[in-house]
Amino acid sequence: MDETVGLNQHSAVLENREKLMLSGVTAVDSFDDRTVVLYTRLGELVILGRGLQMEQMSIESGEVTVTGEVLALRYSDRDRNAPQGFFGRLLR
């Protein structure tokens, strides 16, 4: 059996635009009530909304649950799956 199958797995399940369940999360960069920036095994994910809260977070298992009014999900930088630090973000 190929052990590399599943290493790049990521899923996002959005229920009624109020509860977002994510898997395959590798790091959380920042979050507030309007924006959550995190990294998945397949790249950066920015969640935009109102009243956003991180209800459940387990980076060890890669699972995160965000609640609130989700307005948009934006993926970028498929090759980048970890925060770059202060200078990396400054130069993006």
PDB file of N, CA and C in Angstrom:
ATOM      1  N   MET A   1       0.837  -1.179   0.000  1.00  0.00           N
ATOM      2  CA  MET A   1       0.000   0.000   0.000  1.00  0.00           C
ATOM      3  C   MET A   1       0.884   1.245   0.000  1.00  0.00           C
ATOM      4  N   ASP A   2       0.540   2.252  -0.778  1.00  0.00           N
ATOM      5  CA  ASP A   2       1.328   3.478  -0.883  1.00  0.00           C
ATOM      6  C   ASP A   2       1.091   4.361   0.334  1.00  0.00           C
ATOM      7  N   GLU A   3       2.139   4.610   1.118  1.00  0.00           N
ATOM      8  CA  GLU A   3       2.005   5.401   2.339  1.00  0.00           C
ATOM      9  C   GLU A   3       1.919   6.890   2.062  1.00  0.00           C
ATOM     10  N   THR A   4       2.224   7.330   0.854  1.00  0.00           N
ATOM     11  CA  THR A   4       2.126   8.754   0.540  1.00  0.00           C
ATOM     12  C   THR A   4       0.697   9.179   0.217  1.00  0.00           C
ATOM     13  N   VAL A   5      -0.191   8.230  -0.045  1.00  0.00           N
ATOM     14  CA  VAL A   5      -1.587   8.557  -0.301  1.00  0.00           C
ATOM     15  C   VAL A   5      -2.168   9.138   0.978  1.00  0.00           C
ATOM     16  N   GLY A   6      -2.823  10.292   0.863  1.00  0.00           N
ATOM     17  CA  GLY A   6      -3.435  10.931   2.017  1.00  0.00           C
ATOM     18  C   GLY A   6      -2.563  11.991   2.667  1.00  0.00           C
ATOM     19  N   LEU A   7      -1.285  12.065   2.306  1.00  0.00           N
ATOM     20  CA  LEU A   7      -0.413  13.070   2.914  1.00  0.00           C
ATOM     21  C   LEU A   7      -0.825  14.485   2.529  1.00  0.00           C
ATOM     22  N   ASN A   8      -1.345  14.675   1.341  1.00  0.00           N
ATOM     23  CA  ASN A   8      -1.749  15.999   0.898  1.00  0.00           C
ATOM     24  C   ASN A   8      -3.263  16.182   0.938  1.00  0.00           C
ATOM     25  N   GLN A   9      -3.933  15.435   1.781  1.00  0.00           N
ATOM     26  CA  GLN A   9      -5.379  15.534   1.900  1.00  0.00           C
ATOM     27  C   GLN A   9      -5.770  16.825   2.619  1.00  0.00           C
ATOM     28  N   HIS A  10      -6.792  17.477   2.101  1.00  0.00           N
ATOM     29  CA  HIS A  10      -7.368  18.675   2.713  1.00  0.00           C
ATOM     30  C   HIS A  10      -8.833  18.696   2.347  1.00  0.00           C
ATOM     31  N   SER A  11      -9.676  19.017   3.310  1.00  0.00           N
ATOM     32  CA  SER A  11     -11.090  19.160   2.998  1.00  0.00           C
ATOM     33  C   SER A  11     -11.657  20.357   3.746  1.00  0.00           C
ATOM     34  N   ALA A  12     -12.701  20.938   3.161  1.00  0.00           N
ATOM     35  CA  ALA A  12     -13.419  22.053   3.762  1.00  0.00           C
ATOM     36  C   ALA A  12     -14.910  21.774   3.611  1.00  0.00           C
ATOM     37  N   VAL A  13     -15.621  21.727   4.732  1.00  0.00           N
ATOM     38  CA  VAL A  13     -17.058  21.497   4.716  1.00  0.00           C
ATOM     39  C   VAL A  13     -17.718  22.717   5.362  1.00  0.00           C
ATOM     40  N   LEU A  14     -18.560  23.397   4.601  1.00  0.00           N
ATOM     41  CA  LEU A  14     -19.242  24.592   5.071  1.00  0.00           C
ATOM     42  C   LEU A  14     -20.721  24.281   5.223  1.00  0.00           C
ATOM     43  N   GLU A  15     -21.238  24.458   6.432  1.00  0.00           N
ATOM     44  CA  GLU A  15     -22.657  24.198   6.714  1.00  0.00           C
ATOM     45  C   GLU A  15     -23.388  25.523   6.898  1.00  0.00           C
ATOM     46  N   ASN A  16     -24.334  25.805   6.018  1.00  0.00           N
ATOM     47  CA  ASN A  16     -25.190  26.986   6.109  1.00  0.00           C
ATOM     48  C   ASN A  16     -24.420  28.299   6.248  1.00  0.00           C
ATOM     49  N   ARG A  17     -23.212  28.343   5.720  1.00  0.00           N
ATOM     50  CA  ARG A  17     -22.346  29.532   5.793  1.00  0.00           C
ATOM     51  C   ARG A  17     -22.091  29.980   7.229  1.00  0.00           C
ATOM     52  N   GLU A  18     -22.295  29.069   8.210  1.00  0.00           N
ATOM     53  CA  GLU A  18     -22.122  29.413   9.615  1.00  0.00           C
ATOM     54  C   GLU A  18     -21.092  28.549  10.332  1.00  0.00           C
ATOM     55  N   LYS A  19     -20.762  27.403   9.778  1.00  0.00           N
ATOM     56  CA  LYS A  19     -19.825  26.488  10.428  1.00  0.00           C
ATOM     57  C   LYS A  19     -18.935  25.878   9.353  1.00  0.00           C
ATOM     58  N   LEU A  20     -17.619  26.140   9.470  1.00  0.00           N
ATOM     59  CA  LEU A  20     -16.653  25.644   8.508  1.00  0.00           C
ATOM     60  C   LEU A  20     -15.735  24.650   9.206  1.00  0.00           C
ATOM     61  N   MET A  21     -15.737  23.416   8.736  1.00  0.00           N
ATOM     62  CA  MET A  21     -14.896  22.372   9.304  1.00  0.00           C
ATOM     63  C   MET A  21     -13.789  22.056   8.309  1.00  0.00           C
ATOM     64  N   LEU A  22     -12.544  22.186   8.757  1.00  0.00           N
ATOM     65  CA  LEU A  22     -11.389  22.003   7.899  1.00  0.00           C
ATOM     66  C   LEU A  22     -10.534  20.857   8.388  1.00  0.00           C
ATOM     67  N   SER A  23      -9.924  20.150   7.464  1.00  0.00           N
ATOM     68  CA  SER A  23      -8.909  19.160   7.803  1.00  0.00           C
ATOM     69  C   SER A  23      -7.691  19.439   6.938  1.00  0.00           C
ATOM     70  N   GLY A  24      -6.557  18.918   7.334  1.00  0.00           N
ATOM     71  CA  GLY A  24      -5.331  19.148   6.586  1.00  0.00           C
ATOM     72  C   GLY A  24      -4.696  20.491   6.883  1.00  0.00           C
ATOM     73  N   VAL A  25      -5.016  21.088   8.039  1.00  0.00           N
ATOM     74  CA  VAL A  25      -4.441  22.377   8.425  1.00  0.00           C
ATOM     75  C   VAL A  25      -3.073  22.137   9.055  1.00  0.00           C
ATOM     76  N   THR A  26      -2.074  22.893   8.614  1.00  0.00           N
ATOM     77  CA  THR A  26      -0.716  22.736   9.151  1.00  0.00           C
ATOM     78  C   THR A  26      -0.316  23.854  10.096  1.00  0.00           C
ATOM     79  N   ALA A  27      -0.914  25.053   9.955  1.00  0.00           N
ATOM     80  CA  ALA A  27      -0.583  26.177  10.834  1.00  0.00           C
ATOM     81  C   ALA A  27      -1.668  27.235  10.735  1.00  0.00           C
ATOM     82  N   VAL A  28      -1.853  27.971  11.831  1.00  0.00           N
ATOM     83  CA  VAL A  28      -2.748  29.123  11.841  1.00  0.00           C
ATOM     84  C   VAL A  28      -1.863  30.353  11.961  1.00  0.00           C
ATOM     85  N   ASP A  29      -1.950  31.244  10.976  1.00  0.00           N
ATOM     86  CA  ASP A  29      -1.105  32.437  10.957  1.00  0.00           C
ATOM     87  C   ASP A  29      -1.713  33.544  11.796  1.00  0.00           C
ATOM     88  N   SER A  30      -2.985  33.861  11.576  1.00  0.00           N
ATOM     89  CA  SER A  30      -3.646  34.914  12.338  1.00  0.00           C
ATOM     90  C   SER A  30      -5.153  34.728  12.254  1.00  0.00           C
ATOM     91  N   PHE A  31      -5.847  35.315  13.226  1.00  0.00           N
ATOM     92  CA  PHE A  31      -7.303  35.298  13.161  1.00  0.00           C
ATOM     93  C   PHE A  31      -7.873  36.421  14.007  1.00  0.00           C
ATOM     94  N   ASP A  32      -8.990  36.955  13.539  1.00  0.00           N
ATOM     95  CA  ASP A  32      -9.804  37.883  14.303  1.00  0.00           C
ATOM     96  C   ASP A  32     -11.251  37.648  13.875  1.00  0.00           C
ATOM     97  N   ASP A  33     -12.161  38.539  14.240  1.00  0.00           N
ATOM     98  CA  ASP A  33     -13.571  38.281  13.953  1.00  0.00           C
ATOM     99  C   ASP A  33     -13.951  38.492  12.494  1.00  0.00           C
ATOM    100  N   ARG A  34     -13.013  38.975  11.640  1.00  0.00           N
ATOM    101  CA  ARG A  34     -13.313  39.191  10.228  1.00  0.00           C
ATOM    102  C   ARG A  34     -12.449  38.375   9.267  1.00  0.00           C
ATOM    103  N   THR A  35     -11.270  37.943   9.725  1.00  0.00           N
ATOM    104  CA  THR A  35     -10.338  37.243   8.840  1.00  0.00           C
ATOM    105  C   THR A  35      -9.597  36.149   9.591  1.00  0.00           C
ATOM    106  N   VAL A  36      -9.512  34.977   8.980  1.00  0.00           N
ATOM    107  CA  VAL A  36      -8.697  33.883   9.495  1.00  0.00           C
ATOM    108  C   VAL A  36      -7.728  33.504   8.384  1.00  0.00           C
ATOM    109  N   VAL A  37      -6.436  33.492   8.696  1.00  0.00           N
ATOM    110  CA  VAL A  37      -5.412  33.105   7.731  1.00  0.00           C
ATOM    111  C   VAL A  37      -4.747  31.848   8.265  1.00  0.00           C
ATOM    112  N   LEU A  38      -4.813  30.786   7.483  1.00  0.00           N
ATOM    113  CA  LEU A  38      -4.189  29.535   7.904  1.00  0.00           C
ATOM    114  C   LEU A  38      -3.566  28.844   6.713  1.00  0.00           C
ATOM    115  N   TYR A  39      -2.801  27.828   6.997  1.00  0.00           N
ATOM    116  CA  TYR A  39      -2.102  27.085   5.950  1.00  0.00           C
ATOM    117  C   TYR A  39      -2.561  25.641   5.988  1.00  0.00           C
ATOM    118  N   THR A  40      -2.841  25.125   4.801  1.00  0.00           N
ATOM    119  CA  THR A  40      -3.253  23.739   4.667  1.00  0.00           C
ATOM    120  C   THR A  40      -2.130  22.985   3.963  1.00  0.00           C
ATOM    121  N   ARG A  41      -2.307  21.710   3.847  1.00  0.00           N
ATOM    122  CA  ARG A  41      -1.313  20.893   3.135  1.00  0.00           C
ATOM    123  C   ARG A  41      -1.253  21.247   1.656  1.00  0.00           C
ATOM    124  N   LEU A  42      -2.261  21.991   1.180  1.00  0.00           N
ATOM    125  CA  LEU A  42      -2.306  22.366  -0.232  1.00  0.00           C
ATOM    126  C   LEU A  42      -2.137  23.860  -0.439  1.00  0.00           C
ATOM    127  N   GLY A  43      -1.708  24.608   0.577  1.00  0.00           N
ATOM    128  CA  GLY A  43      -1.446  26.031   0.422  1.00  0.00           C
ATOM    129  C   GLY A  43      -2.188  26.889   1.420  1.00  0.00           C
ATOM    130  N   GLU A  44      -2.056  28.200   1.229  1.00  0.00           N
ATOM    131  CA  GLU A  44      -2.655  29.183   2.133  1.00  0.00           C
ATOM    132  C   GLU A  44      -4.163  29.276   1.907  1.00  0.00           C
ATOM    133  N   LEU A  45      -4.915  29.467   2.993  1.00  0.00           N
ATOM    134  CA  LEU A  45      -6.362  29.656   2.935  1.00  0.00           C
ATOM    135  C   LEU A  45      -6.718  30.863   3.786  1.00  0.00           C
ATOM    136  N   VAL A  46      -7.432  31.817   3.187  1.00  0.00           N
ATOM    137  CA  VAL A  46      -7.913  32.996   3.901  1.00  0.00           C
ATOM    138  C   VAL A  46      -9.434  32.893   3.961  1.00  0.00           C
ATOM    139  N   ILE A  47      -9.977  33.005   5.167  1.00  0.00           N
ATOM    140  CA  ILE A  47     -11.422  32.947   5.384  1.00  0.00           C
ATOM    141  C   ILE A  47     -11.872  34.348   5.767  1.00  0.00           C
ATOM    142  N   LEU A  48     -12.847  34.886   5.038  1.00  0.00           N
ATOM    143  CA  LEU A  48     -13.372  36.212   5.315  1.00  0.00           C
ATOM    144  C   LEU A  48     -14.797  36.076   5.814  1.00  0.00           C
ATOM    145  N   GLY A  49     -15.178  36.911   6.785  1.00  0.00           N
ATOM    146  CA  GLY A  49     -16.532  36.838   7.295  1.00  0.00           C
ATOM    147  C   GLY A  49     -16.805  37.869   8.371  1.00  0.00           C
ATOM    148  N   ARG A  50     -17.859  37.609   9.136  1.00  0.00           N
ATOM    149  CA  ARG A  50     -18.256  38.478  10.253  1.00  0.00           C
ATOM    150  C   ARG A  50     -18.481  37.605  11.485  1.00  0.00           C
ATOM    151  N   GLY A  51     -17.983  38.067  12.611  1.00  0.00           N
ATOM    152  CA  GLY A  51     -18.177  37.334  13.860  1.00  0.00           C
ATOM    153  C   GLY A  51     -17.500  35.977  13.866  1.00  0.00           C
ATOM    154  N   LEU A  52     -16.363  35.862  13.184  1.00  0.00           N
ATOM    155  CA  LEU A  52     -15.670  34.577  13.091  1.00  0.00           C
ATOM    156  C   LEU A  52     -15.021  34.212  14.426  1.00  0.00           C
ATOM    157  N   GLN A  53     -15.152  32.959  14.793  1.00  0.00           N
ATOM    158  CA  GLN A  53     -14.532  32.421  16.003  1.00  0.00           C
ATOM    159  C   GLN A  53     -13.960  31.052  15.688  1.00  0.00           C
ATOM    160  N   MET A  54     -12.821  30.752  16.287  1.00  0.00           N
ATOM    161  CA  MET A  54     -12.239  29.419  16.141  1.00  0.00           C
ATOM    162  C   MET A  54     -12.778  28.581  17.302  1.00  0.00           C
ATOM    163  N   GLU A  55     -13.684  27.685  16.985  1.00  0.00           N
ATOM    164  CA  GLU A  55     -14.330  26.867  18.004  1.00  0.00           C
ATOM    165  C   GLU A  55     -13.464  25.685  18.406  1.00  0.00           C
ATOM    166  N   GLN A  56     -12.815  25.097  17.439  1.00  0.00           N
ATOM    167  CA  GLN A  56     -12.021  23.896  17.697  1.00  0.00           C
ATOM    168  C   GLN A  56     -10.758  23.983  16.858  1.00  0.00           C
ATOM    169  N   MET A  57      -9.613  23.685  17.487  1.00  0.00           N
ATOM    170  CA  MET A  57      -8.365  23.737  16.747  1.00  0.00           C
ATOM    171  C   MET A  57      -7.433  22.666  17.283  1.00  0.00           C
ATOM    172  N   SER A  58      -7.007  21.789  16.398  1.00  0.00           N
ATOM    173  CA  SER A  58      -6.035  20.769  16.739  1.00  0.00           C
ATOM    174  C   SER A  58      -5.055  20.657  15.584  1.00  0.00           C
ATOM    175  N   ILE A  59      -3.951  21.370  15.694  1.00  0.00           N
ATOM    176  CA  ILE A  59      -2.950  21.332  14.634  1.00  0.00           C
ATOM    177  C   ILE A  59      -2.315  19.944  14.559  1.00  0.00           C
ATOM    178  N   GLU A  60      -2.281  19.233  15.681  1.00  0.00           N
ATOM    179  CA  GLU A  60      -1.720  17.872  15.679  1.00  0.00           C
ATOM    180  C   GLU A  60      -2.489  16.964  14.733  1.00  0.00           C
ATOM    181  N   SER A  61      -3.819  17.067  14.755  1.00  0.00           N
ATOM    182  CA  SER A  61      -4.626  16.249  13.846  1.00  0.00           C
ATOM    183  C   SER A  61      -4.952  16.989  12.554  1.00  0.00           C
ATOM    184  N   GLY A  62      -4.672  18.314  12.523  1.00  0.00           N
ATOM    185  CA  GLY A  62      -4.931  19.094  11.326  1.00  0.00           C
ATOM    186  C   GLY A  62      -6.368  19.527  11.167  1.00  0.00           C
ATOM    187  N   GLU A  63      -7.154  19.518  12.255  1.00  0.00           N
ATOM    188  CA  GLU A  63      -8.572  19.863  12.171  1.00  0.00           C
ATOM    189  C   GLU A  63      -8.851  21.190  12.851  1.00  0.00           C
ATOM    190  N   VAL A  64      -9.633  22.034  12.167  1.00  0.00           N
ATOM    191  CA  VAL A  64     -10.007  23.346  12.680  1.00  0.00           C
ATOM    192  C   VAL A  64     -11.475  23.563  12.354  1.00  0.00           C
ATOM    193  N   THR A  65     -12.224  24.142  13.309  1.00  0.00           N
ATOM    194  CA  THR A  65     -13.612  24.512  13.078  1.00  0.00           C
ATOM    195  C   THR A  65     -13.757  26.009  13.315  1.00  0.00           C
ATOM    196  N   VAL A  66     -14.324  26.698  12.334  1.00  0.00           N
ATOM    197  CA  VAL A  66     -14.556  28.138  12.417  1.00  0.00           C
ATOM    198  C   VAL A  66     -16.058  28.361  12.339  1.00  0.00           C
ATOM    199  N   THR A  67     -16.592  29.189  13.253  1.00  0.00           N
ATOM    200  CA  THR A  67     -18.014  29.522  13.215  1.00  0.00           C
ATOM    201  C   THR A  67     -18.164  31.026  13.011  1.00  0.00           C
ATOM    202  N   GLY A  68     -19.331  31.431  12.589  1.00  0.00           N
ATOM    203  CA  GLY A  68     -19.644  32.821  12.285  1.00  0.00           C
ATOM    204  C   GLY A  68     -20.208  32.890  10.880  1.00  0.00           C
ATOM    205  N   GLU A  69     -20.391  34.104  10.366  1.00  0.00           N
ATOM    206  CA  GLU A  69     -20.907  34.270   9.009  1.00  0.00           C
ATOM    207  C   GLU A  69     -19.740  34.249   8.028  1.00  0.00           C
ATOM    208  N   VAL A  70     -19.628  33.164   7.269  1.00  0.00           N
ATOM    209  CA  VAL A  70     -18.537  33.007   6.300  1.00  0.00           C
ATOM    210  C   VAL A  70     -18.958  33.671   4.995  1.00  0.00           C
ATOM    211  N   LEU A  71     -18.153  34.645   4.556  1.00  0.00           N
ATOM    212  CA  LEU A  71     -18.446  35.375   3.323  1.00  0.00           C
ATOM    213  C   LEU A  71     -17.616  34.887   2.142  1.00  0.00           C
ATOM    214  N   ALA A  72     -16.363  34.441   2.404  1.00  0.00           N
ATOM    215  CA  ALA A  72     -15.508  34.013   1.299  1.00  0.00           C
ATOM    216  C   ALA A  72     -14.396  33.105   1.798  1.00  0.00           C
ATOM    217  N   LEU A  73     -13.982  32.186   0.933  1.00  0.00           N
ATOM    218  CA  LEU A  73     -12.805  31.342   1.143  1.00  0.00           C
ATOM    219  C   LEU A  73     -11.871  31.623  -0.022  1.00  0.00           C
ATOM    220  N   ARG A  74     -10.619  31.959   0.271  1.00  0.00           N
ATOM    221  CA  ARG A  74      -9.675  32.287  -0.798  1.00  0.00           C
ATOM    222  C   ARG A  74      -8.403  31.471  -0.621  1.00  0.00           C
ATOM    223  N   TYR A  75      -8.107  30.654  -1.618  1.00  0.00           N
ATOM    224  CA  TYR A  75      -6.886  29.857  -1.619  1.00  0.00           C
ATOM    225  C   TYR A  75      -5.834  30.561  -2.464  1.00  0.00           C
ATOM    226  N   SER A  76      -4.577  30.431  -2.052  1.00  0.00           N
ATOM    227  CA  SER A  76      -3.487  30.970  -2.854  1.00  0.00           C
ATOM    228  C   SER A  76      -2.207  30.220  -2.545  1.00  0.00           C
ATOM    229  N   ASP A  77      -1.197  30.455  -3.365  1.00  0.00           N
ATOM    230  CA  ASP A  77       0.137  29.905  -3.153  1.00  0.00           C
ATOM    231  C   ASP A  77       0.119  28.416  -2.836  1.00  0.00           C
ATOM    232  N   ARG A  78      -0.294  27.635  -3.798  1.00  0.00           N
ATOM    233  CA  ARG A  78      -0.383  26.187  -3.610  1.00  0.00           C
ATOM    234  C   ARG A  78       0.930  25.581  -3.125  1.00  0.00           C
ATOM    235  N   ASP A  79       2.066  26.161  -3.544  1.00  0.00           N
ATOM    236  CA  ASP A  79       3.358  25.617  -3.144  1.00  0.00           C
ATOM    237  C   ASP A  79       3.791  26.049  -1.751  1.00  0.00           C
ATOM    238  N   ARG A  80       3.123  27.013  -1.173  1.00  0.00           N
ATOM    239  CA  ARG A  80       3.524  27.505   0.146  1.00  0.00           C
ATOM    240  C   ARG A  80       2.540  26.992   1.184  1.00  0.00           C
ATOM    241  N   ASN A  81       3.015  26.219   2.148  1.00  0.00           N
ATOM    242  CA  ASN A  81       2.112  25.660   3.140  1.00  0.00           C
ATOM    243  C   ASN A  81       2.591  25.895   4.558  1.00  0.00           C
ATOM    244  N   ALA A  82       3.361  26.974   4.771  1.00  0.00           N
ATOM    245  CA  ALA A  82       3.787  27.340   6.120  1.00  0.00           C
ATOM    246  C   ALA A  82       4.040  28.839   6.155  1.00  0.00           C
ATOM    247  N   PRO A  83       3.848  29.463   7.301  1.00  0.00           N
ATOM    248  CA  PRO A  83       4.096  30.898   7.397  1.00  0.00           C
ATOM    249  C   PRO A  83       5.537  31.228   7.050  1.00  0.00           C
ATOM    250  N   GLN A  84       5.743  32.395   6.451  1.00  0.00           N
ATOM    251  CA  GLN A  84       7.060  32.802   6.043  1.00  0.00           C
ATOM    252  C   GLN A  84       7.758  33.673   7.082  1.00  0.00           C
ATOM    253  N   GLY A  85       7.092  34.089   8.104  1.00  0.00           N
ATOM    254  CA  GLY A  85       7.690  34.987   9.065  1.00  0.00           C
ATOM    255  C   GLY A  85       7.478  36.437   8.669  1.00  0.00           C
ATOM    256  N   PHE A  86       7.967  37.339   9.484  1.00  0.00           N
ATOM    257  CA  PHE A  86       7.730  38.759   9.280  1.00  0.00           C
ATOM    258  C   PHE A  86       8.233  39.259   7.932  1.00  0.00           C
ATOM    259  N   PHE A  87       9.477  38.983   7.565  1.00  0.00           N
ATOM    260  CA  PHE A  87      10.032  39.486   6.323  1.00  0.00           C
ATOM    261  C   PHE A  87       9.394  38.834   5.109  1.00  0.00           C
ATOM    262  N   GLY A  88       9.019  37.582   5.210  1.00  0.00           N
ATOM    263  CA  GLY A  88       8.346  36.912   4.096  1.00  0.00           C
ATOM    264  C   GLY A  88       7.008  37.532   3.794  1.00  0.00           C
ATOM    265  N   ARG A  89       6.248  37.884   4.839  1.00  0.00           N
ATOM    266  CA  ARG A  89       4.949  38.526   4.635  1.00  0.00           C
ATOM    267  C   ARG A  89       5.122  39.954   4.151  1.00  0.00           C
ATOM    268  N   LEU A  90       6.147  40.634   4.621  1.00  0.00           N
ATOM    269  CA  LEU A  90       6.410  42.005   4.230  1.00  0.00           C
ATOM    270  C   LEU A  90       6.711  42.091   2.740  1.00  0.00           C
ATOM    271  N   LEU A  91       7.394  41.115   2.192  1.00  0.00           N
ATOM    272  CA  LEU A  91       7.814  41.130   0.800  1.00  0.00           C
ATOM    273  C   LEU A  91       6.852  40.451  -0.154  1.00  0.00           C
ATOM    274  N   ARG A  92       5.737  39.930   0.314  1.00  0.00           N
ATOM    275  CA  ARG A  92       4.792  39.263  -0.565  1.00  0.00           C
ATOM    276  C   ARG A  92       4.107  40.201  -1.494  1.00  0.00           C
TER     277      ARG A  92
END
